[in-house]
Amino acid sequence: MDHNVHAAITDGLRQRGVDCLNAQDDGMSAASDESILIRARELGRVVFTQDADFLEITASWLATNTLFAGVIYARQMGITIGQAISDLQLFATLLEPEEMQNRLEYIPL
C-alpha cells in the first residue's frame, strides 16, 4: 500500500487474511512514488495506490521495459473502502505475485 491509501483498506484486508504491507510500516512514508515501486519490486509485492502519479511512472516503466511488481490503481473518489477491500482480496486470492509483474490493473472491477 502506498502512503496515501486509507488505513481502513489495509485493516480490512488484513482481517480477511491478506498479507499487506503499507509504506508506513516499511519505513517508506516519506519516500517518493518511484522509491515505493522500487521497494515493492525488491520485495516482490504489488502496489495498491490511489495516486495518479503512479500511472505516469508505470507507463514510463512499461515503455522502457523497467521491471515492476505490479500496480493496482483506484481513483480516490471512484471507489468505496468496501469495494477496494473486496476487489483487492480478489486479486490476492486469484493471482500469484508473478502474474502481476509489469501489469497495471484498475479497480473497481
PDB file of N, CA and C in Angstrom:
ATOM      1  N   MET A   1       0.843  -1.177   0.000  1.00  0.00           N
ATOM      2  CA  MET A   1       0.000   0.000   0.000  1.00  0.00           C
ATOM      3  C   MET A   1       0.883   1.233   0.000  1.00  0.00           C
ATOM      4  N   ASP A   2       0.583   2.140  -0.919  1.00  0.00           N
ATOM      5  CA  ASP A   2       1.358   3.371  -0.859  1.00  0.00           C
ATOM      6  C   ASP A   2       0.873   4.211   0.321  1.00  0.00           C
ATOM      7  N   HIS A   3       1.561   5.289   0.606  1.00  0.00           N
ATOM      8  CA  HIS A   3       1.296   6.070   1.813  1.00  0.00           C
ATOM      9  C   HIS A   3      -0.005   6.867   1.781  1.00  0.00           C
ATOM     10  N   ASN A   4      -0.714   6.917   0.654  1.00  0.00           N
ATOM     11  CA  ASN A   4      -1.970   7.659   0.567  1.00  0.00           C
ATOM     12  C   ASN A   4      -3.212   6.788   0.730  1.00  0.00           C
ATOM     13  N   VAL A   5      -3.041   5.495   0.881  1.00  0.00           N
ATOM     14  CA  VAL A   5      -4.181   4.578   0.976  1.00  0.00           C
ATOM     15  C   VAL A   5      -4.781   4.647   2.379  1.00  0.00           C
ATOM     16  N   HIS A   6      -6.091   4.730   2.438  1.00  0.00           N
ATOM     17  CA  HIS A   6      -6.805   4.783   3.718  1.00  0.00           C
ATOM     18  C   HIS A   6      -6.488   3.536   4.545  1.00  0.00           C
ATOM     19  N   ALA A   7      -6.170   3.741   5.811  1.00  0.00           N
ATOM     20  CA  ALA A   7      -5.799   2.638   6.704  1.00  0.00           C
ATOM     21  C   ALA A   7      -6.896   1.583   6.814  1.00  0.00           C
ATOM     22  N   ALA A   8      -8.153   1.977   6.652  1.00  0.00           N
ATOM     23  CA  ALA A   8      -9.258   1.022   6.758  1.00  0.00           C
ATOM     24  C   ALA A   8      -9.178  -0.036   5.657  1.00  0.00           C
ATOM     25  N   ILE A   9      -8.610   0.301   4.520  1.00  0.00           N
ATOM     26  CA  ILE A   9      -8.459  -0.682   3.443  1.00  0.00           C
ATOM     27  C   ILE A   9      -7.427  -1.737   3.849  1.00  0.00           C
ATOM     28  N   THR A  10      -6.294  -1.277   4.346  1.00  0.00           N
ATOM     29  CA  THR A  10      -5.266  -2.212   4.815  1.00  0.00           C
ATOM     30  C   THR A  10      -5.801  -3.068   5.951  1.00  0.00           C
ATOM     31  N   ASP A  11      -6.463  -2.454   6.924  1.00  0.00           N
ATOM     32  CA  ASP A  11      -7.015  -3.192   8.063  1.00  0.00           C
ATOM     33  C   ASP A  11      -8.039  -4.228   7.608  1.00  0.00           C
ATOM     34  N   GLY A  12      -8.919  -3.836   6.686  1.00  0.00           N
ATOM     35  CA  GLY A  12      -9.939  -4.763   6.201  1.00  0.00           C
ATOM     36  C   GLY A  12      -9.342  -5.959   5.484  1.00  0.00           C
ATOM     37  N   LEU A  13      -8.307  -5.724   4.703  1.00  0.00           N
ATOM     38  CA  LEU A  13      -7.646  -6.836   4.017  1.00  0.00           C
ATOM     39  C   LEU A  13      -6.938  -7.751   5.006  1.00  0.00           C
ATOM     40  N   ARG A  14      -6.265  -7.179   5.975  1.00  0.00           N
ATOM     41  CA  ARG A  14      -5.580  -7.989   6.985  1.00  0.00           C
ATOM     42  C   ARG A  14      -6.573  -8.835   7.773  1.00  0.00           C
ATOM     43  N   GLN A  15      -7.745  -8.279   8.074  1.00  0.00           N
ATOM     44  CA  GLN A  15      -8.768  -9.038   8.785  1.00  0.00           C
ATOM     45  C   GLN A  15      -9.252 -10.230   7.965  1.00  0.00           C
ATOM     46  N   ARG A  16      -9.099 -10.140   6.652  1.00  0.00           N
ATOM     47  CA  ARG A  16      -9.503 -11.229   5.758  1.00  0.00           C
ATOM     48  C   ARG A  16      -8.337 -12.145   5.402  1.00  0.00           C
ATOM     49  N   GLY A  17      -7.215 -11.955   6.083  1.00  0.00           N
ATOM     50  CA  GLY A  17      -6.069 -12.838   5.900  1.00  0.00           C
ATOM     51  C   GLY A  17      -5.157 -12.491   4.730  1.00  0.00           C
ATOM     52  N   VAL A  18      -5.321 -11.302   4.168  1.00  0.00           N
ATOM     53  CA  VAL A  18      -4.461 -10.878   3.058  1.00  0.00           C
ATOM     54  C   VAL A  18      -3.212 -10.222   3.642  1.00  0.00           C
ATOM     55  N   ASP A  19      -2.060 -10.685   3.201  1.00  0.00           N
ATOM     56  CA  ASP A  19      -0.778 -10.156   3.662  1.00  0.00           C
ATOM     57  C   ASP A  19      -0.541  -8.783   3.038  1.00  0.00           C
ATOM     58  N   CYS A  20      -0.616  -7.742   3.842  1.00  0.00           N
ATOM     59  CA  CYS A  20      -0.446  -6.367   3.361  1.00  0.00           C
ATOM     60  C   CYS A  20       0.712  -5.702   4.098  1.00  0.00           C
ATOM     61  N   LEU A  21       1.421  -4.890   3.369  1.00  0.00           N
ATOM     62  CA  LEU A  21       2.468  -4.061   3.953  1.00  0.00           C
ATOM     63  C   LEU A  21       2.242  -2.646   3.444  1.00  0.00           C
ATOM     64  N   ASN A  22       2.073  -1.710   4.368  1.00  0.00           N
ATOM     65  CA  ASN A  22       1.904  -0.338   3.899  1.00  0.00           C
ATOM     66  C   ASN A  22       3.233   0.410   3.995  1.00  0.00           C
ATOM     67  N   ALA A  23       3.312   1.508   3.287  1.00  0.00           N
ATOM     68  CA  ALA A  23       4.559   2.275   3.223  1.00  0.00           C
ATOM     69  C   ALA A  23       5.020   2.702   4.616  1.00  0.00           C
ATOM     70  N   GLN A  24       4.079   3.056   5.478  1.00  0.00           N
ATOM     71  CA  GLN A  24       4.437   3.498   6.817  1.00  0.00           C
ATOM     72  C   GLN A  24       5.121   2.380   7.609  1.00  0.00           C
ATOM     73  N   ASP A  25       4.565   1.175   7.571  1.00  0.00           N
ATOM     74  CA  ASP A  25       5.141   0.050   8.311  1.00  0.00           C
ATOM     75  C   ASP A  25       6.499  -0.358   7.762  1.00  0.00           C
ATOM     76  N   ASP A  26       6.753  -0.034   6.502  1.00  0.00           N
ATOM     77  CA  ASP A  26       8.020  -0.390   5.864  1.00  0.00           C
ATOM     78  C   ASP A  26       9.035   0.745   5.948  1.00  0.00           C
ATOM     79  N   GLY A  27       8.721   1.805   6.679  1.00  0.00           N
ATOM     80  CA  GLY A  27       9.633   2.931   6.807  1.00  0.00           C
ATOM     81  C   GLY A  27       9.729   3.780   5.558  1.00  0.00           C
ATOM     82  N   MET A  28       8.695   3.714   4.697  1.00  0.00           N
ATOM     83  CA  MET A  28       8.716   4.424   3.416  1.00  0.00           C
ATOM     84  C   MET A  28       7.675   5.544   3.357  1.00  0.00           C
ATOM     85  N   SER A  29       7.211   6.027   4.499  1.00  0.00           N
ATOM     86  CA  SER A  29       6.122   7.008   4.489  1.00  0.00           C
ATOM     87  C   SER A  29       6.505   8.323   3.816  1.00  0.00           C
ATOM     88  N   ALA A  30       7.768   8.664   3.790  1.00  0.00           N
ATOM     89  CA  ALA A  30       8.195   9.903   3.141  1.00  0.00           C
ATOM     90  C   ALA A  30       8.868   9.641   1.789  1.00  0.00           C
ATOM     91  N   ALA A  31       8.829   8.399   1.348  1.00  0.00           N
ATOM     92  CA  ALA A  31       9.509   8.021   0.105  1.00  0.00           C
ATOM     93  C   ALA A  31       8.751   8.514  -1.121  1.00  0.00           C
ATOM     94  N   SER A  32       9.478   8.704  -2.199  1.00  0.00           N
ATOM     95  CA  SER A  32       8.860   9.088  -3.466  1.00  0.00           C
ATOM     96  C   SER A  32       8.084   7.893  -4.025  1.00  0.00           C
ATOM     97  N   ASP A  33       7.187   8.191  -4.946  1.00  0.00           N
ATOM     98  CA  ASP A  33       6.410   7.123  -5.584  1.00  0.00           C
ATOM     99  C   ASP A  33       7.338   6.123  -6.279  1.00  0.00           C
ATOM    100  N   GLU A  34       8.334   6.635  -6.959  1.00  0.00           N
ATOM    101  CA  GLU A  34       9.279   5.755  -7.656  1.00  0.00           C
ATOM    102  C   GLU A  34      10.027   4.868  -6.660  1.00  0.00           C
ATOM    103  N   SER A  35      10.410   5.416  -5.527  1.00  0.00           N
ATOM    104  CA  SER A  35      11.088   4.624  -4.499  1.00  0.00           C
ATOM    105  C   SER A  35      10.182   3.522  -3.953  1.00  0.00           C
ATOM    106  N   ILE A  36       8.901   3.828  -3.825  1.00  0.00           N
ATOM    107  CA  ILE A  36       7.959   2.809  -3.358  1.00  0.00           C
ATOM    108  C   ILE A  36       7.853   1.678  -4.377  1.00  0.00           C
ATOM    109  N   LEU A  37       7.813   2.027  -5.653  1.00  0.00           N
ATOM    110  CA  LEU A  37       7.771   0.982  -6.686  1.00  0.00           C
ATOM    111  C   LEU A  37       9.046   0.143  -6.698  1.00  0.00           C
ATOM    112  N   ILE A  38      10.171   0.768  -6.504  1.00  0.00           N
ATOM    113  CA  ILE A  38      11.441   0.031  -6.456  1.00  0.00           C
ATOM    114  C   ILE A  38      11.454  -0.905  -5.257  1.00  0.00           C
ATOM    115  N   ARG A  39      11.038  -0.400  -4.109  1.00  0.00           N
ATOM    116  CA  ARG A  39      10.987  -1.228  -2.892  1.00  0.00           C
ATOM    117  C   ARG A  39      10.015  -2.398  -3.071  1.00  0.00           C
ATOM    118  N   ALA A  40       8.865  -2.143  -3.664  1.00  0.00           N
ATOM    119  CA  ALA A  40       7.893  -3.218  -3.905  1.00  0.00           C
ATOM    120  C   ALA A  40       8.487  -4.276  -4.824  1.00  0.00           C
ATOM    121  N   ARG A  41       9.224  -3.851  -5.840  1.00  0.00           N
ATOM    122  CA  ARG A  41       9.878  -4.804  -6.742  1.00  0.00           C
ATOM    123  C   ARG A  41      10.872  -5.662  -5.961  1.00  0.00           C
ATOM    124  N   GLU A  42      11.663  -5.036  -5.096  1.00  0.00           N
ATOM    125  CA  GLU A  42      12.636  -5.769  -4.279  1.00  0.00           C
ATOM    126  C   GLU A  42      11.953  -6.822  -3.410  1.00  0.00           C
ATOM    127  N   LEU A  43      10.773  -6.480  -2.894  1.00  0.00           N
ATOM    128  CA  LEU A  43      10.034  -7.388  -2.009  1.00  0.00           C
ATOM    129  C   LEU A  43       9.108  -8.335  -2.757  1.00  0.00           C
ATOM    130  N   GLY A  44       8.930  -8.114  -4.056  1.00  0.00           N
ATOM    131  CA  GLY A  44       8.010  -8.931  -4.841  1.00  0.00           C
ATOM    132  C   GLY A  44       6.558  -8.690  -4.475  1.00  0.00           C
ATOM    133  N   ARG A  45       6.233  -7.431  -4.157  1.00  0.00           N
ATOM    134  CA  ARG A  45       4.881  -7.079  -3.728  1.00  0.00           C
ATOM    135  C   ARG A  45       4.228  -6.118  -4.711  1.00  0.00           C
ATOM    136  N   VAL A  46       2.973  -6.354  -4.968  1.00  0.00           N
ATOM    137  CA  VAL A  46       2.166  -5.481  -5.813  1.00  0.00           C
ATOM    138  C   VAL A  46       1.819  -4.229  -5.011  1.00  0.00           C
ATOM    139  N   VAL A  47       1.813  -3.085  -5.663  1.00  0.00           N
ATOM    140  CA  VAL A  47       1.462  -1.827  -5.004  1.00  0.00           C
ATOM    141  C   VAL A  47       0.008  -1.485  -5.312  1.00  0.00           C
ATOM    142  N   PHE A  48      -0.752  -1.189  -4.266  1.00  0.00           N
ATOM    143  CA  PHE A  48      -2.065  -0.592  -4.453  1.00  0.00           C
ATOM    144  C   PHE A  48      -1.923   0.890  -4.170  1.00  0.00           C
ATOM    145  N   THR A  49      -2.455   1.705  -5.070  1.00  0.00           N
ATOM    146  CA  THR A  49      -2.353   3.142  -4.926  1.00  0.00           C
ATOM    147  C   THR A  49      -3.621   3.829  -5.401  1.00  0.00           C
ATOM    148  N   GLN A  50      -3.819   5.008  -4.888  1.00  0.00           N
ATOM    149  CA  GLN A  50      -4.882   5.879  -5.357  1.00  0.00           C
ATOM    150  C   GLN A  50      -4.277   7.209  -5.815  1.00  0.00           C
ATOM    151  N   ASP A  51      -2.995   7.183  -6.085  1.00  0.00           N
ATOM    152  CA  ASP A  51      -2.221   8.341  -6.506  1.00  0.00           C
ATOM    153  C   ASP A  51      -1.985   8.259  -8.011  1.00  0.00           C
ATOM    154  N   ALA A  52      -2.559   9.187  -8.757  1.00  0.00           N
ATOM    155  CA  ALA A  52      -2.461   9.165 -10.223  1.00  0.00           C
ATOM    156  C   ALA A  52      -1.029   9.295 -10.731  1.00  0.00           C
ATOM    157  N   ASP A  53      -0.118   9.819  -9.918  1.00  0.00           N
ATOM    158  CA  ASP A  53       1.288   9.907 -10.333  1.00  0.00           C
ATOM    159  C   ASP A  53       1.870   8.529 -10.644  1.00  0.00           C
ATOM    160  N   PHE A  54       1.374   7.504  -9.971  1.00  0.00           N
ATOM    161  CA  PHE A  54       1.850   6.143 -10.237  1.00  0.00           C
ATOM    162  C   PHE A  54       1.529   5.721 -11.667  1.00  0.00           C
ATOM    163  N   LEU A  55       0.444   6.231 -12.223  1.00  0.00           N
ATOM    164  CA  LEU A  55       0.071   5.881 -13.588  1.00  0.00           C
ATOM    165  C   LEU A  55       1.125   6.371 -14.579  1.00  0.00           C
ATOM    166  N   GLU A  56       1.622   7.572 -14.362  1.00  0.00           N
ATOM    167  CA  GLU A  56       2.667   8.113 -15.232  1.00  0.00           C
ATOM    168  C   GLU A  56       3.957   7.318 -15.098  1.00  0.00           C
ATOM    169  N   ILE A  57       4.321   6.984 -13.876  1.00  0.00           N
ATOM    170  CA  ILE A  57       5.556   6.231 -13.648  1.00  0.00           C
ATOM    171  C   ILE A  57       5.458   4.847 -14.277  1.00  0.00           C
ATOM    172  N   THR A  58       4.353   4.144 -14.044  1.00  0.00           N
ATOM    173  CA  THR A  58       4.242   2.789 -14.602  1.00  0.00           C
ATOM    174  C   THR A  58       4.182   2.830 -16.120  1.00  0.00           C
ATOM    175  N   ALA A  59       3.545   3.839 -16.710  1.00  0.00           N
ATOM    176  CA  ALA A  59       3.528   3.963 -18.172  1.00  0.00           C
ATOM    177  C   ALA A  59       4.943   4.147 -18.701  1.00  0.00           C
ATOM    178  N   SER A  60       5.718   4.959 -18.019  1.00  0.00           N
ATOM    179  CA  SER A  60       7.103   5.179 -18.416  1.00  0.00           C
ATOM    180  C   SER A  60       7.925   3.898 -18.267  1.00  0.00           C
ATOM    181  N   TRP A  61       7.721   3.205 -17.167  1.00  0.00           N
ATOM    182  CA  TRP A  61       8.473   1.961 -16.927  1.00  0.00           C
ATOM    183  C   TRP A  61       8.079   0.892 -17.944  1.00  0.00           C
ATOM    184  N   LEU A  62       6.814   0.814 -18.289  1.00  0.00           N
ATOM    185  CA  LEU A  62       6.395  -0.149 -19.319  1.00  0.00           C
ATOM    186  C   LEU A  62       7.040   0.187 -20.662  1.00  0.00           C
ATOM    187  N   ALA A  63       7.101   1.458 -20.990  1.00  0.00           N
ATOM    188  CA  ALA A  63       7.678   1.890 -22.271  1.00  0.00           C
ATOM    189  C   ALA A  63       9.172   1.609 -22.358  1.00  0.00           C
ATOM    190  N   THR A  64       9.844   1.602 -21.204  1.00  0.00           N
ATOM    191  CA  THR A  64      11.291   1.377 -21.185  1.00  0.00           C
ATOM    192  C   THR A  64      11.668  -0.020 -20.692  1.00  0.00           C
ATOM    193  N   ASN A  65      10.667  -0.890 -20.561  1.00  0.00           N
ATOM    194  CA  ASN A  65      10.891  -2.271 -20.089  1.00  0.00           C
ATOM    195  C   ASN A  65      11.560  -2.334 -18.717  1.00  0.00           C
ATOM    196  N   THR A  66      11.229  -1.373 -17.861  1.00  0.00           N
ATOM    197  CA  THR A  66      11.717  -1.384 -16.484  1.00  0.00           C
ATOM    198  C   THR A  66      10.779  -2.265 -15.666  1.00  0.00           C
ATOM    199  N   LEU A  67      11.328  -3.262 -15.018  1.00  0.00           N
ATOM    200  CA  LEU A  67      10.508  -4.214 -14.274  1.00  0.00           C
ATOM    201  C   LEU A  67       9.892  -3.582 -13.028  1.00  0.00           C
ATOM    202  N   PHE A  68       8.636  -3.938 -12.776  1.00  0.00           N
ATOM    203  CA  PHE A  68       7.987  -3.592 -11.515  1.00  0.00           C
ATOM    204  C   PHE A  68       7.072  -4.746 -11.130  1.00  0.00           C
ATOM    205  N   ALA A  69       6.730  -4.806  -9.854  1.00  0.00           N
ATOM    206  CA  ALA A  69       5.999  -5.957  -9.322  1.00  0.00           C
ATOM    207  C   ALA A  69       4.505  -5.911  -9.600  1.00  0.00           C
ATOM    208  N   GLY A  70       4.020  -4.832 -10.178  1.00  0.00           N
ATOM    209  CA  GLY A  70       2.605  -4.700 -10.467  1.00  0.00           C
ATOM    210  C   GLY A  70       1.990  -3.570  -9.676  1.00  0.00           C
ATOM    211  N   VAL A  71       0.989  -2.948 -10.275  1.00  0.00           N
ATOM    212  CA  VAL A  71       0.291  -1.837  -9.633  1.00  0.00           C
ATOM    213  C   VAL A  71      -1.208  -2.035  -9.834  1.00  0.00           C
ATOM    214  N   ILE A  72      -1.950  -1.825  -8.761  1.00  0.00           N
ATOM    215  CA  ILE A  72      -3.408  -1.778  -8.830  1.00  0.00           C
ATOM    216  C   ILE A  72      -3.794  -0.358  -8.437  1.00  0.00           C
ATOM    217  N   TYR A  73      -4.602   0.263  -9.283  1.00  0.00           N
ATOM    218  CA  TYR A  73      -4.953   1.671  -9.089  1.00  0.00           C
ATOM    219  C   TYR A  73      -6.464   1.844  -8.974  1.00  0.00           C
ATOM    220  N   ALA A  74      -6.853   2.739  -8.075  1.00  0.00           N
ATOM    221  CA  ALA A  74      -8.253   3.167  -7.956  1.00  0.00           C
ATOM    222  C   ALA A  74      -8.263   4.668  -7.720  1.00  0.00           C
ATOM    223  N   ARG A  75      -9.167   5.364  -8.404  1.00  0.00           N
ATOM    224  CA  ARG A  75      -9.334   6.795  -8.137  1.00  0.00           C
ATOM    225  C   ARG A  75      -9.835   6.976  -6.708  1.00  0.00           C
ATOM    226  N   GLN A  76      -9.348   7.991  -6.033  1.00  0.00           N
ATOM    227  CA  GLN A  76      -9.720   8.209  -4.634  1.00  0.00           C
ATOM    228  C   GLN A  76     -11.216   8.358  -4.435  1.00  0.00           C
ATOM    229  N   MET A  77     -11.874   9.069  -5.304  1.00  0.00           N
ATOM    230  CA  MET A  77     -13.311   9.273  -5.140  1.00  0.00           C
ATOM    231  C   MET A  77     -14.113   8.289  -5.987  1.00  0.00           C
ATOM    232  N   GLY A  78     -13.440   7.339  -6.624  1.00  0.00           N
ATOM    233  CA  GLY A  78     -14.111   6.435  -7.530  1.00  0.00           C
ATOM    234  C   GLY A  78     -14.428   5.069  -6.954  1.00  0.00           C
ATOM    235  N   ILE A  79     -14.142   4.883  -5.672  1.00  0.00           N
ATOM    236  CA  ILE A  79     -14.346   3.564  -5.069  1.00  0.00           C
ATOM    237  C   ILE A  79     -14.578   3.730  -3.565  1.00  0.00           C
ATOM    238  N   THR A  80     -15.427   2.871  -3.020  1.00  0.00           N
ATOM    239  CA  THR A  80     -15.623   2.881  -1.572  1.00  0.00           C
ATOM    240  C   THR A  80     -14.561   2.005  -0.922  1.00  0.00           C
ATOM    241  N   ILE A  81     -14.418   2.165   0.372  1.00  0.00           N
ATOM    242  CA  ILE A  81     -13.466   1.328   1.109  1.00  0.00           C
ATOM    243  C   ILE A  81     -13.857  -0.142   0.971  1.00  0.00           C
ATOM    244  N   GLY A  82     -15.141  -0.437   1.088  1.00  0.00           N
ATOM    245  CA  GLY A  82     -15.611  -1.817   0.959  1.00  0.00           C
ATOM    246  C   GLY A  82     -15.330  -2.405  -0.411  1.00  0.00           C
ATOM    247  N   GLN A  83     -15.549  -1.609  -1.467  1.00  0.00           N
ATOM    248  CA  GLN A  83     -15.257  -2.090  -2.822  1.00  0.00           C
ATOM    249  C   GLN A  83     -13.768  -2.363  -2.985  1.00  0.00           C
ATOM    250  N   ALA A  84     -12.946  -1.463  -2.468  1.00  0.00           N
ATOM    251  CA  ALA A  84     -11.495  -1.642  -2.574  1.00  0.00           C
ATOM    252  C   ALA A  84     -11.069  -2.926  -1.884  1.00  0.00           C
ATOM    253  N   ILE A  85     -11.579  -3.166  -0.707  1.00  0.00           N
ATOM    254  CA  ILE A  85     -11.229  -4.380   0.037  1.00  0.00           C
ATOM    255  C   ILE A  85     -11.649  -5.619  -0.755  1.00  0.00           C
ATOM    256  N   SER A  86     -12.867  -5.634  -1.241  1.00  0.00           N
ATOM    257  CA  SER A  86     -13.368  -6.799  -1.995  1.00  0.00           C
ATOM    258  C   SER A  86     -12.551  -7.049  -3.251  1.00  0.00           C
ATOM    259  N   ASP A  87     -12.292  -6.001  -4.026  1.00  0.00           N
ATOM    260  CA  ASP A  87     -11.560  -6.175  -5.279  1.00  0.00           C
ATOM    261  C   ASP A  87     -10.105  -6.573  -5.033  1.00  0.00           C
ATOM    262  N   LEU A  88      -9.476  -5.957  -4.047  1.00  0.00           N
ATOM    263  CA  LEU A  88      -8.084  -6.299  -3.746  1.00  0.00           C
ATOM    264  C   LEU A  88      -7.970  -7.720  -3.206  1.00  0.00           C
ATOM    265  N   GLN A  89      -8.948  -8.141  -2.417  1.00  0.00           N
ATOM    266  CA  GLN A  89      -8.947  -9.515  -1.921  1.00  0.00           C
ATOM    267  C   GLN A  89      -9.057 -10.492  -3.085  1.00  0.00           C
ATOM    268  N   LEU A  90      -9.844 -10.146  -4.066  1.00  0.00           N
ATOM    269  CA  LEU A  90      -9.981 -10.982  -5.261  1.00  0.00           C
ATOM    270  C   LEU A  90      -8.638 -11.136  -5.976  1.00  0.00           C
ATOM    271  N   PHE A  91      -7.936 -10.022  -6.190  1.00  0.00           N
ATOM    272  CA  PHE A  91      -6.614 -10.091  -6.821  1.00  0.00           C
ATOM    273  C   PHE A  91      -5.670 -10.959  -6.002  1.00  0.00           C
ATOM    274  N   ALA A  92      -5.664 -10.768  -4.678  1.00  0.00           N
ATOM    275  CA  ALA A  92      -4.755 -11.520  -3.805  1.00  0.00           C
ATOM    276  C   ALA A  92      -5.069 -13.008  -3.814  1.00  0.00           C
ATOM    277  N   THR A  93      -6.328 -13.348  -3.967  1.00  0.00           N
ATOM    278  CA  THR A  93      -6.750 -14.747  -3.945  1.00  0.00           C
ATOM    279  C   THR A  93      -6.518 -15.435  -5.282  1.00  0.00           C
ATOM    280  N   LEU A  94      -6.764 -14.735  -6.377  1.00  0.00           N
ATOM    281  CA  LEU A  94      -6.754 -15.367  -7.694  1.00  0.00           C
ATOM    282  C   LEU A  94      -5.415 -15.330  -8.421  1.00  0.00           C
ATOM    283  N   LEU A  95      -4.562 -14.386  -8.082  1.00  0.00           N
ATOM    284  CA  LEU A  95      -3.311 -14.227  -8.827  1.00  0.00           C
ATOM    285  C   LEU A  95      -2.098 -14.392  -7.920  1.00  0.00           C
ATOM    286  N   GLU A  96      -1.085 -15.016  -8.464  1.00  0.00           N
ATOM    287  CA  GLU A  96       0.208 -15.085  -7.790  1.00  0.00           C
ATOM    288  C   GLU A  96       0.944 -13.777  -8.081  1.00  0.00           C
ATOM    289  N   PRO A  97       1.843 -13.366  -7.195  1.00  0.00           N
ATOM    290  CA  PRO A  97       2.575 -12.119  -7.446  1.00  0.00           C
ATOM    291  C   PRO A  97       3.269 -12.086  -8.817  1.00  0.00           C
ATOM    292  N   GLU A  98       3.782 -13.219  -9.261  1.00  0.00           N
ATOM    293  CA  GLU A  98       4.468 -13.268 -10.562  1.00  0.00           C
ATOM    294  C   GLU A  98       3.522 -12.931 -11.721  1.00  0.00           C
ATOM    295  N   GLU A  99       2.241 -13.236 -11.545  1.00  0.00           N
ATOM    296  CA  GLU A  99       1.266 -12.960 -12.596  1.00  0.00           C
ATOM    297  C   GLU A  99       0.944 -11.468 -12.705  1.00  0.00           C
ATOM    298  N   MET A 100       1.282 -10.721 -11.688  1.00  0.00           N
ATOM    299  CA  MET A 100       1.031  -9.275 -11.697  1.00  0.00           C
ATOM    300  C   MET A 100       2.244  -8.483 -12.179  1.00  0.00           C
ATOM    301  N   GLN A 101       3.371  -9.155 -12.338  1.00  0.00           N
ATOM    302  CA  GLN A 101       4.590  -8.438 -12.727  1.00  0.00           C
ATOM    303  C   GLN A 101       4.370  -7.656 -14.019  1.00  0.00           C
ATOM    304  N   ASN A 102       4.777  -6.384 -13.991  1.00  0.00           N
ATOM    305  CA  ASN A 102       4.662  -5.461 -15.130  1.00  0.00           C
ATOM    306  C   ASN A 102       3.225  -5.264 -15.613  1.00  0.00           C
ATOM    307  N   ARG A 103       2.271  -5.362 -14.689  1.00  0.00           N
ATOM    308  CA  ARG A 103       0.870  -5.136 -15.016  1.00  0.00           C
ATOM    309  C   ARG A 103       0.349  -3.949 -14.237  1.00  0.00           C
ATOM    310  N   LEU A 104      -0.546  -3.231 -14.873  1.00  0.00           N
ATOM    311  CA  LEU A 104      -1.293  -2.153 -14.236  1.00  0.00           C
ATOM    312  C   LEU A 104      -2.759  -2.514 -14.342  1.00  0.00           C
ATOM    313  N   GLU A 105      -3.411  -2.652 -13.197  1.00  0.00           N
ATOM    314  CA  GLU A 105      -4.825  -3.004 -13.151  1.00  0.00           C
ATOM    315  C   GLU A 105      -5.595  -1.883 -12.463  1.00  0.00           C
ATOM    316  N   TYR A 106      -6.842  -1.751 -12.851  1.00  0.00           N
ATOM    317  CA  TYR A 106      -7.707  -0.714 -12.279  1.00  0.00           C
ATOM    318  C   TYR A 106      -8.861  -1.358 -11.527  1.00  0.00           C
ATOM    319  N   ILE A 107      -9.208  -0.763 -10.389  1.00  0.00           N
ATOM    320  CA  ILE A 107     -10.427  -1.142  -9.689  1.00  0.00           C
ATOM    321  C   ILE A 107     -11.236   0.135  -9.469  1.00  0.00           C
ATOM    322  N   PRO A 108     -12.560   0.073  -9.322  1.00  0.00           N
ATOM    323  CA  PRO A 108     -13.340  -1.145  -9.145  1.00  0.00           C
ATOM    324  C   PRO A 108     -13.403  -1.959 -10.431  1.00  0.00           C
ATOM    325  N   LEU A 109     -13.583  -3.265 -10.199  1.00  0.00           N
ATOM    326  CA  LEU A 109     -13.662  -4.205 -11.319  1.00  0.00           C
ATOM    327  C   LEU A 109     -14.963  -4.037 -12.084  1.00  0.00           C
TER     328      LEU A 109
END
